[in-house]
PDB file of N, CA and C in Angstrom:
ATOM      1  N   MET A   1      19.660 -11.667 -19.346  1.00  0.00           N
ATOM      2  CA  MET A   1      18.687 -10.866 -20.062  1.00  0.00           C
ATOM      3  C   MET A   1      19.245  -9.445 -20.159  1.00  0.00           C
ATOM      4  N   SER A   2      19.151  -8.878 -21.325  1.00  0.00           N
ATOM      5  CA  SER A   2      19.618  -7.506 -21.513  1.00  0.00           C
ATOM      6  C   SER A   2      18.588  -6.519 -20.974  1.00  0.00           C
ATOM      7  N   GLY A   3      18.983  -5.282 -20.843  1.00  0.00           N
ATOM      8  CA  GLY A   3      18.059  -4.244 -20.408  1.00  0.00           C
ATOM      9  C   GLY A   3      16.897  -4.076 -21.378  1.00  0.00           C
ATOM     10  N   PHE A   4      17.157  -4.246 -22.670  1.00  0.00           N
ATOM     11  CA  PHE A   4      16.087  -4.119 -23.658  1.00  0.00           C
ATOM     12  C   PHE A   4      15.113  -5.286 -23.577  1.00  0.00           C
ATOM     13  N   GLU A   5      15.620  -6.477 -23.328  1.00  0.00           N
ATOM     14  CA  GLU A   5      14.722  -7.627 -23.155  1.00  0.00           C
ATOM     15  C   GLU A   5      13.831  -7.420 -21.935  1.00  0.00           C
ATOM     16  N   LEU A   6      14.423  -6.934 -20.869  1.00  0.00           N
ATOM     17  CA  LEU A   6      13.649  -6.643 -19.664  1.00  0.00           C
ATOM     18  C   LEU A   6      12.586  -5.585 -19.953  1.00  0.00           C
ATOM     19  N   LEU A   7      12.970  -4.529 -20.642  1.00  0.00           N
ATOM     20  CA  LEU A   7      12.034  -3.460 -20.985  1.00  0.00           C
ATOM     21  C   LEU A   7      10.834  -4.000 -21.761  1.00  0.00           C
ATOM     22  N   ILE A   8      11.085  -4.815 -22.751  1.00  0.00           N
ATOM     23  CA  ILE A   8      10.000  -5.360 -23.568  1.00  0.00           C
ATOM     24  C   ILE A   8       9.092  -6.259 -22.731  1.00  0.00           C
ATOM     25  N   ASN A   9       9.665  -6.976 -21.781  1.00  0.00           N
ATOM     26  CA  ASN A   9       8.863  -7.858 -20.931  1.00  0.00           C
ATOM     27  C   ASN A   9       8.014  -7.100 -19.915  1.00  0.00           C
ATOM     28  N   VAL A  10       8.526  -6.018 -19.357  1.00  0.00           N
ATOM     29  CA  VAL A  10       7.769  -5.305 -18.315  1.00  0.00           C
ATOM     30  C   VAL A  10       6.896  -4.181 -18.868  1.00  0.00           C
ATOM     31  N   VAL A  11       7.154  -3.756 -20.108  1.00  0.00           N
ATOM     32  CA  VAL A  11       6.326  -2.718 -20.734  1.00  0.00           C
ATOM     33  C   VAL A  11       5.855  -3.228 -22.099  1.00  0.00           C
ATOM     34  N   PRO A  12       4.903  -4.168 -22.101  1.00  0.00           N
ATOM     35  CA  PRO A  12       4.433  -4.701 -23.384  1.00  0.00           C
ATOM     36  C   PRO A  12       3.597  -3.695 -24.186  1.00  0.00           C
ATOM     37  N   ARG A  13       2.963  -2.734 -23.502  1.00  0.00           N
ATOM     38  CA  ARG A  13       2.159  -1.711 -24.184  1.00  0.00           C
ATOM     39  C   ARG A  13       2.813  -0.346 -23.957  1.00  0.00           C
ATOM     40  N   VAL A  14       3.592   0.101 -24.920  1.00  0.00           N
ATOM     41  CA  VAL A  14       4.347   1.343 -24.803  1.00  0.00           C
ATOM     42  C   VAL A  14       3.440   2.537 -24.565  1.00  0.00           C
ATOM     43  N   SER A  15       2.273   2.550 -25.189  1.00  0.00           N
ATOM     44  CA  SER A  15       1.370   3.692 -25.056  1.00  0.00           C
ATOM     45  C   SER A  15       0.717   3.777 -23.683  1.00  0.00           C
ATOM     46  N   LYS A  16       0.741   2.671 -22.938  1.00  0.00           N
ATOM     47  CA  LYS A  16       0.102   2.661 -21.623  1.00  0.00           C
ATOM     48  C   LYS A  16       0.912   1.785 -20.654  1.00  0.00           C
ATOM     49  N   PRO A  17       2.097   2.269 -20.258  1.00  0.00           N
ATOM     50  CA  PRO A  17       2.934   1.452 -19.380  1.00  0.00           C
ATOM     51  C   PRO A  17       2.311   1.283 -17.994  1.00  0.00           C
ATOM     52  N   ALA A  18       2.438   0.086 -17.445  1.00  0.00           N
ATOM     53  CA  ALA A  18       1.924  -0.190 -16.109  1.00  0.00           C
ATOM     54  C   ALA A  18       3.017  -0.036 -15.052  1.00  0.00           C
ATOM     55  N   ILE A  19       4.242   0.128 -15.511  1.00  0.00           N
ATOM     56  CA  ILE A  19       5.374   0.265 -14.598  1.00  0.00           C
ATOM     57  C   ILE A  19       6.349   1.293 -15.165  1.00  0.00           C
ATOM     58  N   ALA A  20       6.940   2.063 -14.272  1.00  0.00           N
ATOM     59  CA  ALA A  20       7.914   3.074 -14.689  1.00  0.00           C
ATOM     60  C   ALA A  20       9.279   2.416 -14.861  1.00  0.00           C
ATOM     61  N   VAL A  21       9.890   2.592 -16.019  1.00  0.00           N
ATOM     62  CA  VAL A  21      11.209   2.039 -16.291  1.00  0.00           C
ATOM     63  C   VAL A  21      12.164   3.186 -16.583  1.00  0.00           C
ATOM     64  N   ILE A  22      13.282   3.176 -15.888  1.00  0.00           N
ATOM     65  CA  ILE A  22      14.334   4.163 -16.105  1.00  0.00           C
ATOM     66  C   ILE A  22      15.585   3.413 -16.525  1.00  0.00           C
ATOM     67  N   PHE A  23      16.121   3.741 -17.681  1.00  0.00           N
ATOM     68  CA  PHE A  23      17.383   3.159 -18.114  1.00  0.00           C
ATOM     69  C   PHE A  23      18.502   3.970 -17.475  1.00  0.00           C
ATOM     70  N   LEU A  24      19.351   3.314 -16.740  1.00  0.00           N
ATOM     71  CA  LEU A  24      20.534   3.941 -16.138  1.00  0.00           C
ATOM     72  C   LEU A  24      21.726   3.165 -16.669  1.00  0.00           C
ATOM     73  N   THR A  25      22.513   3.796 -17.506  1.00  0.00           N
ATOM     74  CA  THR A  25      23.547   3.092 -18.251  1.00  0.00           C
ATOM     75  C   THR A  25      24.812   3.926 -18.385  1.00  0.00           C
ATOM     76  N   ARG A  26      25.841   3.302 -18.896  1.00  0.00           N
ATOM     77  CA  ARG A  26      27.066   4.040 -19.197  1.00  0.00           C
ATOM     78  C   ARG A  26      27.129   4.398 -20.681  1.00  0.00           C
ATOM     79  N   VAL A  27      26.172   3.902 -21.473  1.00  0.00           N
ATOM     80  CA  VAL A  27      26.145   4.099 -22.920  1.00  0.00           C
ATOM     81  C   VAL A  27      25.579   5.481 -23.258  1.00  0.00           C
ATOM     82  N   VAL A  28      26.331   6.240 -24.042  1.00  0.00           N
ATOM     83  CA  VAL A  28      25.960   7.616 -24.362  1.00  0.00           C
ATOM     84  C   VAL A  28      25.321   7.747 -25.748  1.00  0.00           C
ATOM     85  N   TRP A  29      25.225   6.701 -26.501  1.00  0.00           N
ATOM     86  CA  TRP A  29      24.740   6.773 -27.882  1.00  0.00           C
ATOM     87  C   TRP A  29      23.281   7.201 -27.951  1.00  0.00           C
ATOM     88  N   LYS A  30      23.015   8.199 -28.793  1.00  0.00           N
ATOM     89  CA  LYS A  30      21.643   8.690 -28.953  1.00  0.00           C
ATOM     90  C   LYS A  30      20.717   7.635 -29.541  1.00  0.00           C
ATOM     91  N   SER A  31      21.242   6.780 -30.395  1.00  0.00           N
ATOM     92  CA  SER A  31      20.393   5.745 -30.990  1.00  0.00           C
ATOM     93  C   SER A  31      19.884   4.770 -29.921  1.00  0.00           C
ATOM     94  N   VAL A  32      20.706   4.455 -28.934  1.00  0.00           N
ATOM     95  CA  VAL A  32      20.288   3.560 -27.852  1.00  0.00           C
ATOM     96  C   VAL A  32      19.246   4.258 -26.983  1.00  0.00           C
ATOM     97  N   SER A  33      19.457   5.523 -26.717  1.00  0.00           N
ATOM     98  CA  SER A  33      18.488   6.311 -25.955  1.00  0.00           C
ATOM     99  C   SER A  33      17.143   6.328 -26.670  1.00  0.00           C
ATOM    100  N   TYR A  34      17.163   6.569 -27.956  1.00  0.00           N
ATOM    101  CA  TYR A  34      15.933   6.614 -28.752  1.00  0.00           C
ATOM    102  C   TYR A  34      15.193   5.281 -28.702  1.00  0.00           C
ATOM    103  N   ILE A  35      15.925   4.193 -28.857  1.00  0.00           N
ATOM    104  CA  ILE A  35      15.302   2.856 -28.827  1.00  0.00           C
ATOM    105  C   ILE A  35      14.674   2.598 -27.467  1.00  0.00           C
ATOM    106  N   ALA A  36      15.368   2.956 -26.399  1.00  0.00           N
ATOM    107  CA  ALA A  36      14.831   2.745 -25.047  1.00  0.00           C
ATOM    108  C   ALA A  36      13.543   3.532 -24.838  1.00  0.00           C
ATOM    109  N   ILE A  37      13.557   4.799 -25.185  1.00  0.00           N
ATOM    110  CA  ILE A  37      12.394   5.668 -24.978  1.00  0.00           C
ATOM    111  C   ILE A  37      11.216   5.236 -25.851  1.00  0.00           C
ATOM    112  N   THR A  38      11.467   4.902 -27.107  1.00  0.00           N
ATOM    113  CA  THR A  38      10.370   4.509 -27.992  1.00  0.00           C
ATOM    114  C   THR A  38       9.813   3.116 -27.668  1.00  0.00           C
ATOM    115  N   ASN A  39      10.535   2.365 -26.849  1.00  0.00           N
ATOM    116  CA  ASN A  39      10.061   1.038 -26.452  1.00  0.00           C
ATOM    117  C   ASN A  39       9.558   0.998 -25.017  1.00  0.00           C
ATOM    118  N   GLY A  40       9.297   2.169 -24.433  1.00  0.00           N
ATOM    119  CA  GLY A  40       8.611   2.195 -23.148  1.00  0.00           C
ATOM    120  C   GLY A  40       9.367   2.722 -21.954  1.00  0.00           C
ATOM    121  N   ALA A  41      10.657   2.979 -22.085  1.00  0.00           N
ATOM    122  CA  ALA A  41      11.391   3.567 -20.958  1.00  0.00           C
ATOM    123  C   ALA A  41      10.898   5.001 -20.751  1.00  0.00           C
ATOM    124  N   GLN A  42      10.700   5.376 -19.512  1.00  0.00           N
ATOM    125  CA  GLN A  42      10.249   6.725 -19.192  1.00  0.00           C
ATOM    126  C   GLN A  42      11.402   7.717 -19.156  1.00  0.00           C
ATOM    127  N   ALA A  43      12.618   7.209 -18.933  1.00  0.00           N
ATOM    128  CA  ALA A  43      13.798   8.074 -18.900  1.00  0.00           C
ATOM    129  C   ALA A  43      15.022   7.253 -19.265  1.00  0.00           C
ATOM    130  N   TYR A  44      16.038   7.934 -19.771  1.00  0.00           N
ATOM    131  CA  TYR A  44      17.300   7.315 -20.142  1.00  0.00           C
ATOM    132  C   TYR A  44      18.397   8.191 -19.554  1.00  0.00           C
ATOM    133  N   LEU A  45      19.132   7.660 -18.605  1.00  0.00           N
ATOM    134  CA  LEU A  45      20.152   8.436 -17.911  1.00  0.00           C
ATOM    135  C   LEU A  45      21.518   7.787 -18.074  1.00  0.00           C
ATOM    136  N   VAL A  46      22.535   8.616 -18.255  1.00  0.00           N
ATOM    137  CA  VAL A  46      23.905   8.130 -18.351  1.00  0.00           C
ATOM    138  C   VAL A  46      24.552   8.301 -16.979  1.00  0.00           C
ATOM    139  N   LYS A  47      25.092   7.217 -16.455  1.00  0.00           N
ATOM    140  CA  LYS A  47      25.602   7.179 -15.082  1.00  0.00           C
ATOM    141  C   LYS A  47      26.562   8.325 -14.769  1.00  0.00           C
ATOM    142  N   ARG A  48      27.556   8.532 -15.608  1.00  0.00           N
ATOM    143  CA  ARG A  48      28.576   9.533 -15.260  1.00  0.00           C
ATOM    144  C   ARG A  48      28.075  10.974 -15.349  1.00  0.00           C
ATOM    145  N   PHE A  49      26.904  11.166 -15.941  1.00  0.00           N
ATOM    146  CA  PHE A  49      26.343  12.509 -16.058  1.00  0.00           C
ATOM    147  C   PHE A  49      25.136  12.729 -15.148  1.00  0.00           C
ATOM    148  N   THR A  50      24.813  11.749 -14.309  1.00  0.00           N
ATOM    149  CA  THR A  50      23.613  11.826 -13.482  1.00  0.00           C
ATOM    150  C   THR A  50      23.967  11.763 -12.007  1.00  0.00           C
ATOM    151  N   SER A  51      23.574  12.793 -11.272  1.00  0.00           N
ATOM    152  CA  SER A  51      23.817  12.815  -9.819  1.00  0.00           C
ATOM    153  C   SER A  51      22.716  12.046  -9.093  1.00  0.00           C
ATOM    154  N   GLY A  52      22.959  11.747  -7.853  1.00  0.00           N
ATOM    155  CA  GLY A  52      21.950  11.092  -7.030  1.00  0.00           C
ATOM    156  C   GLY A  52      20.698  11.941  -6.901  1.00  0.00           C
ATOM    157  N   ASP A  53      20.883  13.244  -6.771  1.00  0.00           N
ATOM    158  CA  ASP A  53      19.730  14.151  -6.672  1.00  0.00           C
ATOM    159  C   ASP A  53      18.902  14.130  -7.955  1.00  0.00           C
ATOM    160  N   GLU A  54      19.580  14.142  -9.103  1.00  0.00           N
ATOM    161  CA  GLU A  54      18.848  14.086 -10.380  1.00  0.00           C
ATOM    162  C   GLU A  54      18.091  12.768 -10.513  1.00  0.00           C
ATOM    163  N   LEU A  55      18.725  11.670 -10.106  1.00  0.00           N
ATOM    164  CA  LEU A  55      18.068  10.373 -10.172  1.00  0.00           C
ATOM    165  C   LEU A  55      16.820  10.354  -9.297  1.00  0.00           C
ATOM    166  N   THR A  56      16.913  10.915  -8.112  1.00  0.00           N
ATOM    167  CA  THR A  56      15.764  10.989  -7.208  1.00  0.00           C
ATOM    168  C   THR A  56      14.620  11.771  -7.843  1.00  0.00           C
ATOM    169  N   GLN A  57      14.938  12.898  -8.457  1.00  0.00           N
ATOM    170  CA  GLN A  57      13.911  13.719  -9.109  1.00  0.00           C
ATOM    171  C   GLN A  57      13.259  12.984 -10.269  1.00  0.00           C
ATOM    172  N   ILE A  58      14.065  12.318 -11.084  1.00  0.00           N
ATOM    173  CA  ILE A  58      13.539  11.583 -12.234  1.00  0.00           C
ATOM    174  C   ILE A  58      12.643  10.442 -11.775  1.00  0.00           C
ATOM    175  N   ILE A  59      13.052   9.729 -10.727  1.00  0.00           N
ATOM    176  CA  ILE A  59      12.231   8.637 -10.205  1.00  0.00           C
ATOM    177  C   ILE A  59      10.854   9.153  -9.810  1.00  0.00           C
ATOM    178  N   SER A  60      10.825  10.258  -9.087  1.00  0.00           N
ATOM    179  CA  SER A  60       9.540  10.842  -8.674  1.00  0.00           C
ATOM    180  C   SER A  60       8.689  11.236  -9.879  1.00  0.00           C
ATOM    181  N   LYS A  61       9.315  11.834 -10.887  1.00  0.00           N
ATOM    182  CA  LYS A  61       8.580  12.278 -12.070  1.00  0.00           C
ATOM    183  C   LYS A  61       7.995  11.114 -12.857  1.00  0.00           C
ATOM    184  N   VAL A  62       8.775  10.081 -13.062  1.00  0.00           N
ATOM    185  CA  VAL A  62       8.257   8.981 -13.885  1.00  0.00           C
ATOM    186  C   VAL A  62       7.206   8.168 -13.143  1.00  0.00           C
ATOM    187  N   ILE A  63       7.332   8.037 -11.843  1.00  0.00           N
ATOM    188  CA  ILE A  63       6.288   7.349 -11.080  1.00  0.00           C
ATOM    189  C   ILE A  63       4.993   8.148 -11.147  1.00  0.00           C
ATOM    190  N   ALA A  64       5.089   9.467 -11.044  1.00  0.00           N
ATOM    191  CA  ALA A  64       3.894  10.317 -11.138  1.00  0.00           C
ATOM    192  C   ALA A  64       3.270  10.218 -12.531  1.00  0.00           C
ATOM    193  N   ARG A  65       4.087  10.104 -13.549  1.00  0.00           N
ATOM    194  CA  ARG A  65       3.590  10.031 -14.926  1.00  0.00           C
ATOM    195  C   ARG A  65       2.885   8.705 -15.192  1.00  0.00           C
ATOM    196  N   VAL A  66       3.461   7.617 -14.721  1.00  0.00           N
ATOM    197  CA  VAL A  66       2.898   6.284 -14.975  1.00  0.00           C
ATOM    198  C   VAL A  66       1.759   5.979 -14.015  1.00  0.00           C
ATOM    199  N   GLY A  67       1.878   6.433 -12.785  1.00  0.00           N
ATOM    200  CA  GLY A  67       0.840   6.184 -11.789  1.00  0.00           C
ATOM    201  C   GLY A  67       1.210   5.022 -10.889  1.00  0.00           C
ATOM    202  N   PRO A  68       0.389   4.773  -9.897  1.00  0.00           N
ATOM    203  CA  PRO A  68       0.685   3.702  -8.941  1.00  0.00           C
ATOM    204  C   PRO A  68       0.552   2.325  -9.586  1.00  0.00           C
ATOM    205  N   THR A  69       1.309   1.373  -9.069  1.00  0.00           N
ATOM    206  CA  THR A  69       1.203   0.001  -9.547  1.00  0.00           C
ATOM    207  C   THR A  69       0.027  -0.674  -8.856  1.00  0.00           C
ATOM    208  N   GLN A  70      -0.324  -1.847  -9.311  1.00  0.00           N
ATOM    209  CA  GLN A  70      -1.408  -2.609  -8.686  1.00  0.00           C
ATOM    210  C   GLN A  70      -1.118  -2.816  -7.204  1.00  0.00           C
ATOM    211  N   LYS A  71       0.121  -3.132  -6.869  1.00  0.00           N
ATOM    212  CA  LYS A  71       0.517  -3.334  -5.472  1.00  0.00           C
ATOM    213  C   LYS A  71       0.285  -2.067  -4.655  1.00  0.00           C
ATOM    214  N   ASP A  72       0.593  -0.902  -5.234  1.00  0.00           N
ATOM    215  CA  ASP A  72       0.416   0.365  -4.530  1.00  0.00           C
ATOM    216  C   ASP A  72      -1.053   0.693  -4.287  1.00  0.00           C
ATOM    217  N   ARG A  73      -1.950   0.132  -5.115  1.00  0.00           N
ATOM    218  CA  ARG A  73      -3.375   0.412  -4.987  1.00  0.00           C
ATOM    219  C   ARG A  73      -4.063  -0.445  -3.926  1.00  0.00           C
ATOM    220  N   LEU A  74      -3.376  -1.473  -3.444  1.00  0.00           N
ATOM    221  CA  LEU A  74      -3.969  -2.339  -2.415  1.00  0.00           C
ATOM    222  C   LEU A  74      -4.085  -1.592  -1.103  1.00  0.00           C
ATOM    223  N   PRO A  75      -5.127  -1.840  -0.341  1.00  0.00           N
ATOM    224  CA  PRO A  75      -5.238  -1.221   0.987  1.00  0.00           C
ATOM    225  C   PRO A  75      -4.084  -1.677   1.881  1.00  0.00           C
ATOM    226  N   SER A  76      -3.624  -0.821   2.755  1.00  0.00           N
ATOM    227  CA  SER A  76      -2.471  -1.143   3.598  1.00  0.00           C
ATOM    228  C   SER A  76      -2.719  -2.350   4.491  1.00  0.00           C
ATOM    229  N   TRP A  77      -3.957  -2.610   4.868  1.00  0.00           N
ATOM    230  CA  TRP A  77      -4.261  -3.748   5.728  1.00  0.00           C
ATOM    231  C   TRP A  77      -4.148  -5.088   5.000  1.00  0.00           C
ATOM    232  N   SER A  78      -4.109  -5.064   3.663  1.00  0.00           N
ATOM    233  CA  SER A  78      -4.051  -6.318   2.930  1.00  0.00           C
ATOM    234  C   SER A  78      -2.619  -6.797   2.695  1.00  0.00           C
ATOM    235  N   SER A  79      -1.632  -5.992   3.032  1.00  0.00           N
ATOM    236  CA  SER A  79      -0.238  -6.370   2.804  1.00  0.00           C
ATOM    237  C   SER A  79       0.253  -7.344   3.823  1.00  0.00           C
TER     238      SER A  79
END
């Protein structure tokens, strides 16, 4: 399965994603970035231009933007 197939499967409603998706790729093409973002990816990062610190910051930002998942909303005693 390609990254785009995965994106479409996990983010069926682009306007209201239930999960944060970050594309981390080696592809630098703006057209690919545009397609990823318009189809539900919260961020598009190019591996050789992204540090571990930047990735950590982006992960925090997109999770905050999308919100907690259903699993995260469960009480800790139910896990």
